[in-house]
Amino acid sequence: MTMLRKTITIPDAMESWIKIRIKSGHYANDSEYMRDLIRRDQERHAAENQLRDIVQESLQSGISDSGPAEIKARVENRLKADGRL
């Protein structure tokens, strides 16, 4: 994997926060902290996209004649099949 160097400018308060996180042992250095923030942002973005897809799918499916228990059972079965439950 190719590593690129980036230069950023941050306020003193943010620099102090990064140093505190490093001193606490959560991160080895500034770069590790920034990479973790970017990974978390990527994961959040992917989760938001997945939620949008679920909402869109539900809107397109229309109104159900099923009762709450029936809907719950279908959702649980779907999640089990997808390995998410």
PDB file of N, CA and C in Angstrom:
ATOM      1  N   MET A   1       0.846  -1.171   0.000  1.00  0.00           N
ATOM      2  CA  MET A   1       0.000   0.000   0.000  1.00  0.00           C
ATOM      3  C   MET A   1       0.893   1.236   0.000  1.00  0.00           C
ATOM      4  N   THR A   2       0.626   2.148  -0.896  1.00  0.00           N
ATOM      5  CA  THR A   2       1.374   3.388  -0.976  1.00  0.00           C
ATOM      6  C   THR A   2       0.890   4.336   0.111  1.00  0.00           C
ATOM      7  N   MET A   3       1.824   4.948   0.799  1.00  0.00           N
ATOM      8  CA  MET A   3       1.486   5.926   1.838  1.00  0.00           C
ATOM      9  C   MET A   3       1.816   7.313   1.306  1.00  0.00           C
ATOM     10  N   LEU A   4       0.890   8.231   1.494  1.00  0.00           N
ATOM     11  CA  LEU A   4       1.075   9.608   1.057  1.00  0.00           C
ATOM     12  C   LEU A   4       1.181  10.516   2.273  1.00  0.00           C
ATOM     13  N   ARG A   5       1.946  11.552   2.162  1.00  0.00           N
ATOM     14  CA  ARG A   5       2.084  12.517   3.248  1.00  0.00           C
ATOM     15  C   ARG A   5       1.110  13.659   2.999  1.00  0.00           C
ATOM     16  N   LYS A   6       0.350  14.018   4.032  1.00  0.00           N
ATOM     17  CA  LYS A   6      -0.593  15.127   3.984  1.00  0.00           C
ATOM     18  C   LYS A   6      -0.194  16.139   5.048  1.00  0.00           C
ATOM     19  N   THR A   7      -0.351  17.388   4.745  1.00  0.00           N
ATOM     20  CA  THR A   7      -0.097  18.445   5.717  1.00  0.00           C
ATOM     21  C   THR A   7      -1.426  19.097   6.046  1.00  0.00           C
ATOM     22  N   ILE A   8      -1.738  19.190   7.341  1.00  0.00           N
ATOM     23  CA  ILE A   8      -2.988  19.818   7.762  1.00  0.00           C
ATOM     24  C   ILE A   8      -2.689  20.908   8.787  1.00  0.00           C
ATOM     25  N   THR A   9      -3.609  21.834   8.904  1.00  0.00           N
ATOM     26  CA  THR A   9      -3.497  22.899   9.893  1.00  0.00           C
ATOM     27  C   THR A   9      -4.672  22.758  10.850  1.00  0.00           C
ATOM     28  N   ILE A  10      -4.369  22.707  12.152  1.00  0.00           N
ATOM     29  CA  ILE A  10      -5.415  22.572  13.161  1.00  0.00           C
ATOM     30  C   ILE A  10      -5.163  23.585  14.277  1.00  0.00           C
ATOM     31  N   PRO A  11      -6.214  23.973  14.989  1.00  0.00           N
ATOM     32  CA  PRO A  11      -6.035  24.894  16.111  1.00  0.00           C
ATOM     33  C   PRO A  11      -5.309  24.228  17.284  1.00  0.00           C
ATOM     34  N   ASP A  12      -4.784  25.044  18.161  1.00  0.00           N
ATOM     35  CA  ASP A  12      -4.047  24.537  19.325  1.00  0.00           C
ATOM     36  C   ASP A  12      -4.870  23.563  20.161  1.00  0.00           C
ATOM     37  N   ALA A  13      -6.159  23.855  20.323  1.00  0.00           N
ATOM     38  CA  ALA A  13      -7.011  22.983  21.145  1.00  0.00           C
ATOM     39  C   ALA A  13      -7.085  21.573  20.560  1.00  0.00           C
ATOM     40  N   MET A  14      -7.166  21.471  19.244  1.00  0.00           N
ATOM     41  CA  MET A  14      -7.206  20.144  18.608  1.00  0.00           C
ATOM     42  C   MET A  14      -5.854  19.444  18.743  1.00  0.00           C
ATOM     43  N   GLU A  15      -4.784  20.177  18.595  1.00  0.00           N
ATOM     44  CA  GLU A  15      -3.444  19.594  18.769  1.00  0.00           C
ATOM     45  C   GLU A  15      -3.298  19.047  20.185  1.00  0.00           C
ATOM     46  N   SER A  16      -3.764  19.818  21.164  1.00  0.00           N
ATOM     47  CA  SER A  16      -3.695  19.366  22.559  1.00  0.00           C
ATOM     48  C   SER A  16      -4.499  18.084  22.753  1.00  0.00           C
ATOM     49  N   TRP A  17      -5.680  18.026  22.134  1.00  0.00           N
ATOM     50  CA  TRP A  17      -6.518  16.836  22.254  1.00  0.00           C
ATOM     51  C   TRP A  17      -5.817  15.617  21.667  1.00  0.00           C
ATOM     52  N   ILE A  18      -5.211  15.769  20.506  1.00  0.00           N
ATOM     53  CA  ILE A  18      -4.501  14.650  19.871  1.00  0.00           C
ATOM     54  C   ILE A  18      -3.369  14.180  20.776  1.00  0.00           C
ATOM     55  N   LYS A  19      -2.630  15.105  21.335  1.00  0.00           N
ATOM     56  CA  LYS A  19      -1.515  14.738  22.228  1.00  0.00           C
ATOM     57  C   LYS A  19      -2.020  13.992  23.464  1.00  0.00           C
ATOM     58  N   ILE A  20      -3.163  14.433  24.002  1.00  0.00           N
ATOM     59  CA  ILE A  20      -3.749  13.737  25.158  1.00  0.00           C
ATOM     60  C   ILE A  20      -4.106  12.300  24.786  1.00  0.00           C
ATOM     61  N   ARG A  21      -4.704  12.113  23.615  1.00  0.00           N
ATOM     62  CA  ARG A  21      -5.078  10.768  23.165  1.00  0.00           C
ATOM     63  C   ARG A  21      -3.849   9.881  22.983  1.00  0.00           C
ATOM     64  N   ILE A  22      -2.779  10.453  22.480  1.00  0.00           N
ATOM     65  CA  ILE A  22      -1.536   9.691  22.295  1.00  0.00           C
ATOM     66  C   ILE A  22      -0.936   9.335  23.655  1.00  0.00           C
ATOM     67  N   LYS A  23      -0.861  10.324  24.556  1.00  0.00           N
ATOM     68  CA  LYS A  23      -0.290  10.073  25.883  1.00  0.00           C
ATOM     69  C   LYS A  23      -1.090   9.049  26.673  1.00  0.00           C
ATOM     70  N   SER A  24      -2.396   8.978  26.424  1.00  0.00           N
ATOM     71  CA  SER A  24      -3.234   8.019  27.149  1.00  0.00           C
ATOM     72  C   SER A  24      -3.023   6.590  26.651  1.00  0.00           C
ATOM     73  N   GLY A  25      -2.289   6.451  25.553  1.00  0.00           N
ATOM     74  CA  GLY A  25      -2.002   5.121  25.034  1.00  0.00           C
ATOM     75  C   GLY A  25      -2.982   4.618  23.995  1.00  0.00           C
ATOM     76  N   HIS A  26      -3.972   5.433  23.628  1.00  0.00           N
ATOM     77  CA  HIS A  26      -4.944   5.011  22.628  1.00  0.00           C
ATOM     78  C   HIS A  26      -4.353   4.986  21.221  1.00  0.00           C
ATOM     79  N   TYR A  27      -3.357   5.819  20.988  1.00  0.00           N
ATOM     80  CA  TYR A  27      -2.726   5.909  19.668  1.00  0.00           C
ATOM     81  C   TYR A  27      -1.223   6.064  19.850  1.00  0.00           C
ATOM     82  N   ALA A  28      -0.471   5.577  18.875  1.00  0.00           N
ATOM     83  CA  ALA A  28       0.986   5.664  18.947  1.00  0.00           C
ATOM     84  C   ALA A  28       1.501   7.022  18.479  1.00  0.00           C
ATOM     85  N   ASN A  29       0.768   7.639  17.533  1.00  0.00           N
ATOM     86  CA  ASN A  29       1.216   8.922  16.990  1.00  0.00           C
ATOM     87  C   ASN A  29       0.065   9.641  16.293  1.00  0.00           C
ATOM     88  N   ASP A  30       0.346  10.845  15.829  1.00  0.00           N
ATOM     89  CA  ASP A  30      -0.671  11.665  15.169  1.00  0.00           C
ATOM     90  C   ASP A  30      -1.270  10.951  13.951  1.00  0.00           C
ATOM     91  N   SER A  31      -0.437  10.313  13.171  1.00  0.00           N
ATOM     92  CA  SER A  31      -0.906   9.656  11.948  1.00  0.00           C
ATOM     93  C   SER A  31      -1.882   8.529  12.259  1.00  0.00           C
ATOM     94  N   GLU A  32      -1.571   7.755  13.284  1.00  0.00           N
ATOM     95  CA  GLU A  32      -2.463   6.658  13.657  1.00  0.00           C
ATOM     96  C   GLU A  32      -3.824   7.208  14.088  1.00  0.00           C
ATOM     97  N   TYR A  33      -3.814   8.310  14.827  1.00  0.00           N
ATOM     98  CA  TYR A  33      -5.060   8.943  15.259  1.00  0.00           C
ATOM     99  C   TYR A  33      -5.877   9.409  14.054  1.00  0.00           C
ATOM    100  N   MET A  34      -5.241  10.080  13.116  1.00  0.00           N
ATOM    101  CA  MET A  34      -5.938  10.581  11.938  1.00  0.00           C
ATOM    102  C   MET A  34      -6.480   9.430  11.077  1.00  0.00           C
ATOM    103  N   ARG A  35      -5.695   8.367  10.918  1.00  0.00           N
ATOM    104  CA  ARG A  35      -6.167   7.224  10.138  1.00  0.00           C
ATOM    105  C   ARG A  35      -7.401   6.589  10.791  1.00  0.00           C
ATOM    106  N   ASP A  36      -7.397   6.519  12.130  1.00  0.00           N
ATOM    107  CA  ASP A  36      -8.547   5.966  12.840  1.00  0.00           C
ATOM    108  C   ASP A  36      -9.783   6.838  12.631  1.00  0.00           C
ATOM    109  N   LEU A  37      -9.616   8.150  12.681  1.00  0.00           N
ATOM    110  CA  LEU A  37     -10.746   9.048  12.437  1.00  0.00           C
ATOM    111  C   LEU A  37     -11.308   8.850  11.030  1.00  0.00           C
ATOM    112  N   ILE A  38     -10.435   8.708  10.059  1.00  0.00           N
ATOM    113  CA  ILE A  38     -10.877   8.524   8.674  1.00  0.00           C
ATOM    114  C   ILE A  38     -11.601   7.188   8.522  1.00  0.00           C
ATOM    115  N   ARG A  39     -11.047   6.122   9.130  1.00  0.00           N
ATOM    116  CA  ARG A  39     -11.726   4.812   9.072  1.00  0.00           C
ATOM    117  C   ARG A  39     -13.120   4.891   9.681  1.00  0.00           C
ATOM    118  N   ARG A  40     -13.226   5.554  10.836  1.00  0.00           N
ATOM    119  CA  ARG A  40     -14.535   5.680  11.493  1.00  0.00           C
ATOM    120  C   ARG A  40     -15.503   6.477  10.621  1.00  0.00           C
ATOM    121  N   ASP A  41     -15.012   7.513   9.971  1.00  0.00           N
ATOM    122  CA  ASP A  41     -15.852   8.308   9.078  1.00  0.00           C
ATOM    123  C   ASP A  41     -16.318   7.462   7.898  1.00  0.00           C
ATOM    124  N   GLN A  42     -15.425   6.644   7.363  1.00  0.00           N
ATOM    125  CA  GLN A  42     -15.802   5.759   6.257  1.00  0.00           C
ATOM    126  C   GLN A  42     -16.884   4.769   6.693  1.00  0.00           C
ATOM    127  N   GLU A  43     -16.722   4.205   7.886  1.00  0.00           N
ATOM    128  CA  GLU A  43     -17.711   3.250   8.404  1.00  0.00           C
ATOM    129  C   GLU A  43     -19.058   3.937   8.619  1.00  0.00           C
ATOM    130  N   ARG A  44     -19.042   5.160   9.176  1.00  0.00           N
ATOM    131  CA  ARG A  44     -20.281   5.902   9.396  1.00  0.00           C
ATOM    132  C   ARG A  44     -20.967   6.209   8.065  1.00  0.00           C
ATOM    133  N   HIS A  45     -20.179   6.593   7.079  1.00  0.00           N
ATOM    134  CA  HIS A  45     -20.729   6.899   5.759  1.00  0.00           C
ATOM    135  C   HIS A  45     -21.377   5.651   5.145  1.00  0.00           C
ATOM    136  N   ALA A  46     -20.714   4.506   5.273  1.00  0.00           N
ATOM    137  CA  ALA A  46     -21.266   3.251   4.745  1.00  0.00           C
ATOM    138  C   ALA A  46     -22.565   2.898   5.466  1.00  0.00           C
ATOM    139  N   ALA A  47     -22.619   3.100   6.786  1.00  0.00           N
ATOM    140  CA  ALA A  47     -23.835   2.811   7.553  1.00  0.00           C
ATOM    141  C   ALA A  47     -24.967   3.747   7.141  1.00  0.00           C
ATOM    142  N   GLU A  48     -24.647   5.014   6.905  1.00  0.00           N
ATOM    143  CA  GLU A  48     -25.668   5.966   6.448  1.00  0.00           C
ATOM    144  C   GLU A  48     -26.225   5.547   5.088  1.00  0.00           C
ATOM    145  N   ASN A  49     -25.349   5.140   4.195  1.00  0.00           N
ATOM    146  CA  ASN A  49     -25.801   4.685   2.874  1.00  0.00           C
ATOM    147  C   ASN A  49     -26.686   3.454   2.989  1.00  0.00           C
ATOM    148  N   GLN A  50     -26.305   2.528   3.859  1.00  0.00           N
ATOM    149  CA  GLN A  50     -27.106   1.324   4.056  1.00  0.00           C
ATOM    150  C   GLN A  50     -28.482   1.694   4.607  1.00  0.00           C
ATOM    151  N   LEU A  51     -28.528   2.625   5.556  1.00  0.00           N
ATOM    152  CA  LEU A  51     -29.799   3.055   6.119  1.00  0.00           C
ATOM    153  C   LEU A  51     -30.669   3.724   5.055  1.00  0.00           C
ATOM    154  N   ARG A  52     -30.052   4.563   4.213  1.00  0.00           N
ATOM    155  CA  ARG A  52     -30.803   5.194   3.119  1.00  0.00           C
ATOM    156  C   ARG A  52     -31.403   4.141   2.188  1.00  0.00           C
ATOM    157  N   ASP A  53     -30.606   3.116   1.878  1.00  0.00           N
ATOM    158  CA  ASP A  53     -31.094   2.034   1.009  1.00  0.00           C
ATOM    159  C   ASP A  53     -32.278   1.308   1.644  1.00  0.00           C
ATOM    160  N   ILE A  54     -32.185   1.053   2.950  1.00  0.00           N
ATOM    161  CA  ILE A  54     -33.269   0.365   3.659  1.00  0.00           C
ATOM    162  C   ILE A  54     -34.532   1.216   3.652  1.00  0.00           C
ATOM    163  N   VAL A  55     -34.374   2.518   3.915  1.00  0.00           N
ATOM    164  CA  VAL A  55     -35.535   3.416   3.914  1.00  0.00           C
ATOM    165  C   VAL A  55     -36.152   3.477   2.526  1.00  0.00           C
ATOM    166  N   GLN A  56     -35.324   3.599   1.499  1.00  0.00           N
ATOM    167  CA  GLN A  56     -35.831   3.655   0.128  1.00  0.00           C
ATOM    168  C   GLN A  56     -36.575   2.374  -0.237  1.00  0.00           C
ATOM    169  N   GLU A  57     -36.001   1.240   0.148  1.00  0.00           N
ATOM    170  CA  GLU A  57     -36.652  -0.053  -0.126  1.00  0.00           C
ATOM    171  C   GLU A  57     -37.999  -0.131   0.574  1.00  0.00           C
ATOM    172  N   SER A  58     -38.049   0.354   1.806  1.00  0.00           N
ATOM    173  CA  SER A  58     -39.314   0.290   2.543  1.00  0.00           C
ATOM    174  C   SER A  58     -40.358   1.215   1.933  1.00  0.00           C
ATOM    175  N   LEU A  59     -39.926   2.379   1.482  1.00  0.00           N
ATOM    176  CA  LEU A  59     -40.871   3.301   0.843  1.00  0.00           C
ATOM    177  C   LEU A  59     -41.424   2.714  -0.456  1.00  0.00           C
ATOM    178  N   GLN A  60     -40.573   2.025  -1.195  1.00  0.00           N
ATOM    179  CA  GLN A  60     -40.993   1.440  -2.463  1.00  0.00           C
ATOM    180  C   GLN A  60     -41.867   0.208  -2.279  1.00  0.00           C
ATOM    181  N   SER A  61     -41.793  -0.412  -1.109  1.00  0.00           N
ATOM    182  CA  SER A  61     -42.553  -1.644  -0.891  1.00  0.00           C
ATOM    183  C   SER A  61     -44.036  -1.379  -0.640  1.00  0.00           C
ATOM    184  N   GLY A  62     -44.382  -0.149  -0.327  1.00  0.00           N
ATOM    185  CA  GLY A  62     -45.794   0.189  -0.125  1.00  0.00           C
ATOM    186  C   GLY A  62     -46.282  -0.161   1.265  1.00  0.00           C
ATOM    187  N   ILE A  63     -47.590  -0.049   1.437  1.00  0.00           N
ATOM    188  CA  ILE A  63     -48.218  -0.309   2.731  1.00  0.00           C
ATOM    189  C   ILE A  63     -48.525  -1.798   2.842  1.00  0.00           C
ATOM    190  N   SER A  64     -48.224  -2.355   4.001  1.00  0.00           N
ATOM    191  CA  SER A  64     -48.400  -3.789   4.219  1.00  0.00           C
ATOM    192  C   SER A  64     -49.761  -4.100   4.836  1.00  0.00           C
ATOM    193  N   ASP A  65     -50.293  -5.239   4.463  1.00  0.00           N
ATOM    194  CA  ASP A  65     -51.513  -5.748   5.086  1.00  0.00           C
ATOM    195  C   ASP A  65     -51.178  -6.623   6.293  1.00  0.00           C
ATOM    196  N   SER A  66     -49.895  -6.860   6.519  1.00  0.00           N
ATOM    197  CA  SER A  66     -49.447  -7.714   7.619  1.00  0.00           C
ATOM    198  C   SER A  66     -49.541  -6.980   8.949  1.00  0.00           C
ATOM    199  N   GLY A  67     -49.698  -7.764  10.003  1.00  0.00           N
ATOM    200  CA  GLY A  67     -49.720  -7.196  11.348  1.00  0.00           C
ATOM    201  C   GLY A  67     -48.310  -7.063  11.896  1.00  0.00           C
ATOM    202  N   PRO A  68     -48.145  -6.368  13.030  1.00  0.00           N
ATOM    203  CA  PRO A  68     -46.816  -6.146  13.617  1.00  0.00           C
ATOM    204  C   PRO A  68     -46.035  -7.428  13.888  1.00  0.00           C
ATOM    205  N   ALA A  69     -46.681  -8.450  14.424  1.00  0.00           N
ATOM    206  CA  ALA A  69     -45.985  -9.703  14.735  1.00  0.00           C
ATOM    207  C   ALA A  69     -45.463 -10.368  13.469  1.00  0.00           C
ATOM    208  N   GLU A  70     -46.269 -10.340  12.430  1.00  0.00           N
ATOM    209  CA  GLU A  70     -45.881 -10.937  11.144  1.00  0.00           C
ATOM    210  C   GLU A  70     -44.694 -10.178  10.535  1.00  0.00           C
ATOM    211  N   ILE A  71     -44.765  -8.858  10.590  1.00  0.00           N
ATOM    212  CA  ILE A  71     -43.677  -8.028  10.057  1.00  0.00           C
ATOM    213  C   ILE A  71     -42.392  -8.276  10.833  1.00  0.00           C
ATOM    214  N   LYS A  72     -42.503  -8.323  12.156  1.00  0.00           N
ATOM    215  CA  LYS A  72     -41.334  -8.566  13.004  1.00  0.00           C
ATOM    216  C   LYS A  72     -40.694  -9.911  12.665  1.00  0.00           C
ATOM    217  N   ALA A  73     -41.494 -10.942  12.508  1.00  0.00           N
ATOM    218  CA  ALA A  73     -40.972 -12.274  12.189  1.00  0.00           C
ATOM    219  C   ALA A  73     -40.248 -12.264  10.847  1.00  0.00           C
ATOM    220  N   ARG A  74     -40.816 -11.571   9.852  1.00  0.00           N
ATOM    221  CA  ARG A  74     -40.161 -11.498   8.537  1.00  0.00           C
ATOM    222  C   ARG A  74     -38.825 -10.772   8.620  1.00  0.00           C
ATOM    223  N   VAL A  75     -38.804  -9.681   9.384  1.00  0.00           N
ATOM    224  CA  VAL A  75     -37.559  -8.919   9.535  1.00  0.00           C
ATOM    225  C   VAL A  75     -36.507  -9.774  10.240  1.00  0.00           C
ATOM    226  N   GLU A  76     -36.890 -10.457  11.305  1.00  0.00           N
ATOM    227  CA  GLU A  76     -35.945 -11.314  12.027  1.00  0.00           C
ATOM    228  C   GLU A  76     -35.410 -12.423  11.132  1.00  0.00           C
ATOM    229  N   ASN A  77     -36.269 -13.036  10.354  1.00  0.00           N
ATOM    230  CA  ASN A  77     -35.831 -14.092   9.436  1.00  0.00           C
ATOM    231  C   ASN A  77     -34.860 -13.541   8.388  1.00  0.00           C
ATOM    232  N   ARG A  78     -35.157 -12.364   7.890  1.00  0.00           N
ATOM    233  CA  ARG A  78     -34.281 -11.740   6.895  1.00  0.00           C
ATOM    234  C   ARG A  78     -32.911 -11.431   7.495  1.00  0.00           C
ATOM    235  N   LEU A  79     -32.912 -10.882   8.732  1.00  0.00           N
ATOM    236  CA  LEU A  79     -31.638 -10.568   9.391  1.00  0.00           C
ATOM    237  C   LEU A  79     -30.836 -11.828   9.687  1.00  0.00           C
ATOM    238  N   LYS A  80     -31.516 -12.890  10.078  1.00  0.00           N
ATOM    239  CA  LYS A  80     -30.834 -14.175  10.344  1.00  0.00           C
ATOM    240  C   LYS A  80     -30.226 -14.715   9.049  1.00  0.00           C
ATOM    241  N   ALA A  81     -30.973 -14.621   7.958  1.00  0.00           N
ATOM    242  CA  ALA A  81     -30.484 -15.100   6.669  1.00  0.00           C
ATOM    243  C   ALA A  81     -29.260 -14.313   6.199  1.00  0.00           C
ATOM    244  N   ASP A  82     -29.249 -13.017   6.519  1.00  0.00           N
ATOM    245  CA  ASP A  82     -28.121 -12.161   6.144  1.00  0.00           C
ATOM    246  C   ASP A  82     -26.961 -12.248   7.123  1.00  0.00           C
ATOM    247  N   GLY A  83     -27.157 -13.011   8.224  1.00  0.00           N
ATOM    248  CA  GLY A  83     -26.103 -13.152   9.227  1.00  0.00           C
ATOM    249  C   GLY A  83     -25.945 -11.938  10.124  1.00  0.00           C
ATOM    250  N   ARG A  84     -26.971 -11.106  10.177  1.00  0.00           N
ATOM    251  CA  ARG A  84     -26.889  -9.900  11.019  1.00  0.00           C
ATOM    252  C   ARG A  84     -27.624 -10.059  12.344  1.00  0.00           C
ATOM    253  N   LEU A  85     -28.176 -11.232  12.600  1.00  0.00           N
ATOM    254  CA  LEU A  85     -28.875 -11.470  13.858  1.00  0.00           C
ATOM    255  C   LEU A  85     -28.559 -12.841  14.379  1.00  0.00           C
TER     256      LEU A  85
END
